[in-house]
Amino acid sequence: MKNNFRVILAEQRKTVAEVHKITGISKFTLTNIYYERTKNPGLSTIKKIADYLGVTITELLGY
């Protein structure tokens, strides 16, 4: 699934490990989202990531 996770992390100078530590989302899941290998992550997962990064779900998903 296309998304802006990688771009937003770079802009904010944050890492997948930091997102994992704060949100509790597994590194495996976050890495799959980062490399756009996941087709349908759960809405609660996307919401946690967006909330932590201070962006909307729309911004995170790139719509």
PDB file of N, CA and C in Angstrom:
ATOM      1  N   MET A   1       0.844  -1.171   0.000  1.00  0.00           N
ATOM      2  CA  MET A   1       0.000   0.000   0.000  1.00  0.00           C
ATOM      3  C   MET A   1       0.891   1.235   0.000  1.00  0.00           C
ATOM      4  N   LYS A   2       0.638   2.134  -0.920  1.00  0.00           N
ATOM      5  CA  LYS A   2       1.385   3.380  -0.984  1.00  0.00           C
ATOM      6  C   LYS A   2       1.064   4.233   0.234  1.00  0.00           C
ATOM      7  N   ASN A   3       2.090   4.904   0.763  1.00  0.00           N
ATOM      8  CA  ASN A   3       1.881   5.794   1.903  1.00  0.00           C
ATOM      9  C   ASN A   3       3.054   6.757   2.016  1.00  0.00           C
ATOM     10  N   ASN A   4       2.944   7.709   2.927  1.00  0.00           N
ATOM     11  CA  ASN A   4       3.981   8.711   3.140  1.00  0.00           C
ATOM     12  C   ASN A   4       4.756   8.469   4.439  1.00  0.00           C
ATOM     13  N   PHE A   5       4.671   7.295   4.991  1.00  0.00           N
ATOM     14  CA  PHE A   5       5.314   6.997   6.271  1.00  0.00           C
ATOM     15  C   PHE A   5       6.811   7.286   6.213  1.00  0.00           C
ATOM     16  N   ARG A   6       7.470   6.790   5.188  1.00  0.00           N
ATOM     17  CA  ARG A   6       8.918   6.969   5.042  1.00  0.00           C
ATOM     18  C   ARG A   6       9.276   8.454   4.945  1.00  0.00           C
ATOM     19  N   VAL A   7       8.521   9.188   4.160  1.00  0.00           N
ATOM     20  CA  VAL A   7       8.776  10.620   3.958  1.00  0.00           C
ATOM     21  C   VAL A   7       8.584  11.398   5.260  1.00  0.00           C
ATOM     22  N   ILE A   8       7.491  11.115   5.958  1.00  0.00           N
ATOM     23  CA  ILE A   8       7.187  11.821   7.209  1.00  0.00           C
ATOM     24  C   ILE A   8       8.245  11.510   8.267  1.00  0.00           C
ATOM     25  N   LEU A   9       8.665  10.253   8.359  1.00  0.00           N
ATOM     26  CA  LEU A   9       9.724   9.901   9.310  1.00  0.00           C
ATOM     27  C   LEU A   9      10.997  10.675   9.002  1.00  0.00           C
ATOM     28  N   ALA A  10      11.368  10.761   7.742  1.00  0.00           N
ATOM     29  CA  ALA A  10      12.580  11.485   7.353  1.00  0.00           C
ATOM     30  C   ALA A  10      12.457  12.972   7.686  1.00  0.00           C
ATOM     31  N   GLU A  11      11.315  13.556   7.378  1.00  0.00           N
ATOM     32  CA  GLU A  11      11.102  14.984   7.662  1.00  0.00           C
ATOM     33  C   GLU A  11      11.197  15.277   9.156  1.00  0.00           C
ATOM     34  N   GLN A  12      10.679  14.370   9.965  1.00  0.00           N
ATOM     35  CA  GLN A  12      10.670  14.566  11.413  1.00  0.00           C
ATOM     36  C   GLN A  12      11.911  13.987  12.095  1.00  0.00           C
ATOM     37  N   ARG A  13      12.790  13.396  11.293  1.00  0.00           N
ATOM     38  CA  ARG A  13      14.016  12.779  11.808  1.00  0.00           C
ATOM     39  C   ARG A  13      13.718  11.769  12.923  1.00  0.00           C
ATOM     40  N   LYS A  14      12.759  10.908  12.631  1.00  0.00           N
ATOM     41  CA  LYS A  14      12.385   9.841  13.559  1.00  0.00           C
ATOM     42  C   LYS A  14      12.664   8.496  12.896  1.00  0.00           C
ATOM     43  N   THR A  15      12.704   7.458  13.716  1.00  0.00           N
ATOM     44  CA  THR A  15      12.990   6.118  13.208  1.00  0.00           C
ATOM     45  C   THR A  15      11.820   5.179  13.478  1.00  0.00           C
ATOM     46  N   VAL A  16      11.830   4.061  12.784  1.00  0.00           N
ATOM     47  CA  VAL A  16      10.836   3.013  13.019  1.00  0.00           C
ATOM     48  C   VAL A  16      10.923   2.551  14.468  1.00  0.00           C
ATOM     49  N   ALA A  17      12.137   2.450  14.996  1.00  0.00           N
ATOM     50  CA  ALA A  17      12.326   2.004  16.387  1.00  0.00           C
ATOM     51  C   ALA A  17      11.648   2.963  17.372  1.00  0.00           C
ATOM     52  N   GLU A  18      11.728   4.265  17.105  1.00  0.00           N
ATOM     53  CA  GLU A  18      11.069   5.244  17.985  1.00  0.00           C
ATOM     54  C   GLU A  18       9.553   5.096  17.932  1.00  0.00           C
ATOM     55  N   VAL A  19       9.023   4.908  16.732  1.00  0.00           N
ATOM     56  CA  VAL A  19       7.573   4.736  16.582  1.00  0.00           C
ATOM     57  C   VAL A  19       7.142   3.474  17.324  1.00  0.00           C
ATOM     58  N   HIS A  20       7.912   2.399  17.185  1.00  0.00           N
ATOM     59  CA  HIS A  20       7.626   1.139  17.880  1.00  0.00           C
ATOM     60  C   HIS A  20       7.604   1.342  19.400  1.00  0.00           C
ATOM     61  N   LYS A  21       8.618   2.024  19.903  1.00  0.00           N
ATOM     62  CA  LYS A  21       8.754   2.207  21.349  1.00  0.00           C
ATOM     63  C   LYS A  21       7.570   2.972  21.941  1.00  0.00           C
ATOM     64  N   ILE A  22       7.113   4.003  21.259  1.00  0.00           N
ATOM     65  CA  ILE A  22       6.033   4.847  21.774  1.00  0.00           C
ATOM     66  C   ILE A  22       4.656   4.233  21.532  1.00  0.00           C
ATOM     67  N   THR A  23       4.439   3.651  20.357  1.00  0.00           N
ATOM     68  CA  THR A  23       3.101   3.167  20.002  1.00  0.00           C
ATOM     69  C   THR A  23       2.853   1.715  20.389  1.00  0.00           C
ATOM     70  N   GLY A  24       3.927   0.937  20.518  1.00  0.00           N
ATOM     71  CA  GLY A  24       3.763  -0.481  20.815  1.00  0.00           C
ATOM     72  C   GLY A  24       3.458  -1.326  19.591  1.00  0.00           C
ATOM     73  N   ILE A  25       3.442  -0.711  18.427  1.00  0.00           N
ATOM     74  CA  ILE A  25       3.217  -1.452  17.177  1.00  0.00           C
ATOM     75  C   ILE A  25       4.511  -2.211  16.865  1.00  0.00           C
ATOM     76  N   SER A  26       4.380  -3.457  16.437  1.00  0.00           N
ATOM     77  CA  SER A  26       5.572  -4.275  16.200  1.00  0.00           C
ATOM     78  C   SER A  26       6.463  -3.667  15.120  1.00  0.00           C
ATOM     79  N   LYS A  27       7.773  -3.879  15.281  1.00  0.00           N
ATOM     80  CA  LYS A  27       8.729  -3.394  14.282  1.00  0.00           C
ATOM     81  C   LYS A  27       8.469  -4.054  12.936  1.00  0.00           C
ATOM     82  N   PHE A  28       8.053  -5.302  12.964  1.00  0.00           N
ATOM     83  CA  PHE A  28       7.746  -6.023  11.722  1.00  0.00           C
ATOM     84  C   PHE A  28       6.644  -5.299  10.941  1.00  0.00           C
ATOM     85  N   THR A  29       5.569  -4.952  11.631  1.00  0.00           N
ATOM     86  CA  THR A  29       4.451  -4.247  10.994  1.00  0.00           C
ATOM     87  C   THR A  29       4.896  -2.885  10.486  1.00  0.00           C
ATOM     88  N   LEU A  30       5.617  -2.146  11.317  1.00  0.00           N
ATOM     89  CA  LEU A  30       6.076  -0.807  10.924  1.00  0.00           C
ATOM     90  C   LEU A  30       7.023  -0.870   9.729  1.00  0.00           C
ATOM     91  N   THR A  31       7.894  -1.858   9.722  1.00  0.00           N
ATOM     92  CA  THR A  31       8.829  -2.011   8.603  1.00  0.00           C
ATOM     93  C   THR A  31       8.087  -2.340   7.320  1.00  0.00           C
ATOM     94  N   ASN A  32       7.075  -3.190   7.420  1.00  0.00           N
ATOM     95  CA  ASN A  32       6.274  -3.513   6.230  1.00  0.00           C
ATOM     96  C   ASN A  32       5.533  -2.287   5.707  1.00  0.00           C
ATOM     97  N   ILE A  33       5.038  -1.447   6.594  1.00  0.00           N
ATOM     98  CA  ILE A  33       4.381  -0.203   6.165  1.00  0.00           C
ATOM     99  C   ILE A  33       5.419   0.727   5.545  1.00  0.00           C
ATOM    100  N   TYR A  34       6.573   0.841   6.174  1.00  0.00           N
ATOM    101  CA  TYR A  34       7.662   1.706   5.700  1.00  0.00           C
ATOM    102  C   TYR A  34       8.061   1.361   4.264  1.00  0.00           C
ATOM    103  N   TYR A  35       8.217   0.079   3.990  1.00  0.00           N
ATOM    104  CA  TYR A  35       8.615  -0.372   2.654  1.00  0.00           C
ATOM    105  C   TYR A  35       7.430  -0.663   1.734  1.00  0.00           C
ATOM    106  N   GLU A  36       6.250  -0.273   2.156  1.00  0.00           N
ATOM    107  CA  GLU A  36       5.016  -0.420   1.373  1.00  0.00           C
ATOM    108  C   GLU A  36       4.760  -1.863   0.971  1.00  0.00           C
ATOM    109  N   ARG A  37       5.040  -2.798   1.887  1.00  0.00           N
ATOM    110  CA  ARG A  37       4.828  -4.220   1.626  1.00  0.00           C
ATOM    111  C   ARG A  37       3.508  -4.729   2.168  1.00  0.00           C
ATOM    112  N   THR A  38       2.827  -3.923   2.947  1.00  0.00           N
ATOM    113  CA  THR A  38       1.560  -4.362   3.519  1.00  0.00           C
ATOM    114  C   THR A  38       0.429  -3.827   2.664  1.00  0.00           C
ATOM    115  N   LYS A  39      -0.567  -4.648   2.425  1.00  0.00           N
ATOM    116  CA  LYS A  39      -1.669  -4.246   1.559  1.00  0.00           C
ATOM    117  C   LYS A  39      -2.798  -3.575   2.326  1.00  0.00           C
ATOM    118  N   ASN A  40      -3.038  -4.004   3.561  1.00  0.00           N
ATOM    119  CA  ASN A  40      -4.187  -3.497   4.287  1.00  0.00           C
ATOM    120  C   ASN A  40      -3.934  -3.462   5.798  1.00  0.00           C
ATOM    121  N   PRO A  41      -3.140  -2.485   6.267  1.00  0.00           N
ATOM    122  CA  PRO A  41      -2.927  -2.406   7.710  1.00  0.00           C
ATOM    123  C   PRO A  41      -4.224  -1.990   8.406  1.00  0.00           C
ATOM    124  N   GLY A  42      -4.385  -2.386   9.634  1.00  0.00           N
ATOM    125  CA  GLY A  42      -5.601  -2.047  10.370  1.00  0.00           C
ATOM    126  C   GLY A  42      -5.723  -0.545  10.601  1.00  0.00           C
ATOM    127  N   LEU A  43      -6.953  -0.081  10.678  1.00  0.00           N
ATOM    128  CA  LEU A  43      -7.206   1.336  10.904  1.00  0.00           C
ATOM    129  C   LEU A  43      -6.632   1.794  12.239  1.00  0.00           C
ATOM    130  N   SER A  44      -6.715   0.959  13.263  1.00  0.00           N
ATOM    131  CA  SER A  44      -6.177   1.347  14.573  1.00  0.00           C
ATOM    132  C   SER A  44      -4.659   1.520  14.501  1.00  0.00           C
ATOM    133  N   THR A  45      -3.989   0.701  13.708  1.00  0.00           N
ATOM    134  CA  THR A  45      -2.540   0.817  13.531  1.00  0.00           C
ATOM    135  C   THR A  45      -2.198   2.132  12.835  1.00  0.00           C
ATOM    136  N   ILE A  46      -2.896   2.425  11.757  1.00  0.00           N
ATOM    137  CA  ILE A  46      -2.655   3.658  11.003  1.00  0.00           C
ATOM    138  C   ILE A  46      -2.947   4.875  11.881  1.00  0.00           C
ATOM    139  N   LYS A  47      -4.016   4.808  12.670  1.00  0.00           N
ATOM    140  CA  LYS A  47      -4.379   5.931  13.547  1.00  0.00           C
ATOM    141  C   LYS A  47      -3.306   6.169  14.601  1.00  0.00           C
ATOM    142  N   LYS A  48      -2.778   5.099  15.195  1.00  0.00           N
ATOM    143  CA  LYS A  48      -1.711   5.239  16.198  1.00  0.00           C
ATOM    144  C   LYS A  48      -0.480   5.904  15.592  1.00  0.00           C
ATOM    145  N   ILE A  49      -0.109   5.482  14.394  1.00  0.00           N
ATOM    146  CA  ILE A  49       1.056   6.059  13.717  1.00  0.00           C
ATOM    147  C   ILE A  49       0.808   7.537  13.421  1.00  0.00           C
ATOM    148  N   ALA A  50      -0.348   7.847  12.853  1.00  0.00           N
ATOM    149  CA  ALA A  50      -0.681   9.230  12.507  1.00  0.00           C
ATOM    150  C   ALA A  50      -0.703  10.114  13.748  1.00  0.00           C
ATOM    151  N   ASP A  51      -1.299   9.621  14.813  1.00  0.00           N
ATOM    152  CA  ASP A  51      -1.353  10.399  16.060  1.00  0.00           C
ATOM    153  C   ASP A  51       0.049  10.667  16.592  1.00  0.00           C
ATOM    154  N   TYR A  52       0.887   9.658  16.612  1.00  0.00           N
ATOM    155  CA  TYR A  52       2.252   9.837  17.112  1.00  0.00           C
ATOM    156  C   TYR A  52       3.026  10.850  16.270  1.00  0.00           C
ATOM    157  N   LEU A  53       2.854  10.785  14.953  1.00  0.00           N
ATOM    158  CA  LEU A  53       3.595  11.682  14.063  1.00  0.00           C
ATOM    159  C   LEU A  53       2.946  13.063  13.944  1.00  0.00           C
ATOM    160  N   GLY A  54       1.751  13.214  14.496  1.00  0.00           N
ATOM    161  CA  GLY A  54       1.069  14.507  14.450  1.00  0.00           C
ATOM    162  C   GLY A  54       0.556  14.871  13.076  1.00  0.00           C
ATOM    163  N   VAL A  55       0.147  13.863  12.325  1.00  0.00           N
ATOM    164  CA  VAL A  55      -0.409  14.080  10.985  1.00  0.00           C
ATOM    165  C   VAL A  55      -1.789  13.430  10.905  1.00  0.00           C
ATOM    166  N   THR A  56      -2.529  13.771   9.879  1.00  0.00           N
ATOM    167  CA  THR A  56      -3.821  13.129   9.677  1.00  0.00           C
ATOM    168  C   THR A  56      -3.607  11.787   8.988  1.00  0.00           C
ATOM    169  N   ILE A  57      -4.610  10.947   9.074  1.00  0.00           N
ATOM    170  CA  ILE A  57      -4.564   9.661   8.370  1.00  0.00           C
ATOM    171  C   ILE A  57      -4.426   9.908   6.873  1.00  0.00           C
ATOM    172  N   THR A  58      -5.107  10.917   6.377  1.00  0.00           N
ATOM    173  CA  THR A  58      -5.038  11.271   4.953  1.00  0.00           C
ATOM    174  C   THR A  58      -3.612  11.639   4.556  1.00  0.00           C
ATOM    175  N   GLU A  59      -2.935  12.434   5.382  1.00  0.00           N
ATOM    176  CA  GLU A  59      -1.545  12.802   5.082  1.00  0.00           C
ATOM    177  C   GLU A  59      -0.639  11.578   5.107  1.00  0.00           C
ATOM    178  N   LEU A  60      -0.854  10.713   6.075  1.00  0.00           N
ATOM    179  CA  LEU A  60      -0.031   9.512   6.193  1.00  0.00           C
ATOM    180  C   LEU A  60      -0.208   8.595   4.985  1.00  0.00           C
ATOM    181  N   LEU A  61      -1.445   8.458   4.549  1.00  0.00           N
ATOM    182  CA  LEU A  61      -1.725   7.557   3.427  1.00  0.00           C
ATOM    183  C   LEU A  61      -1.509   8.217   2.058  1.00  0.00           C
ATOM    184  N   GLY A  62      -1.345   9.532   2.052  1.00  0.00           N
ATOM    185  CA  GLY A  62      -1.014  10.221   0.814  1.00  0.00           C
ATOM    186  C   GLY A  62      -2.171  10.454  -0.127  1.00  0.00           C
ATOM    187  N   TYR A  63      -3.383  10.543   0.427  1.00  0.00           N
ATOM    188  CA  TYR A  63      -4.542  10.797  -0.442  1.00  0.00           C
ATOM    189  C   TYR A  63      -4.728  12.271  -0.657  1.00  0.00           C
TER     190      TYR A  63
END
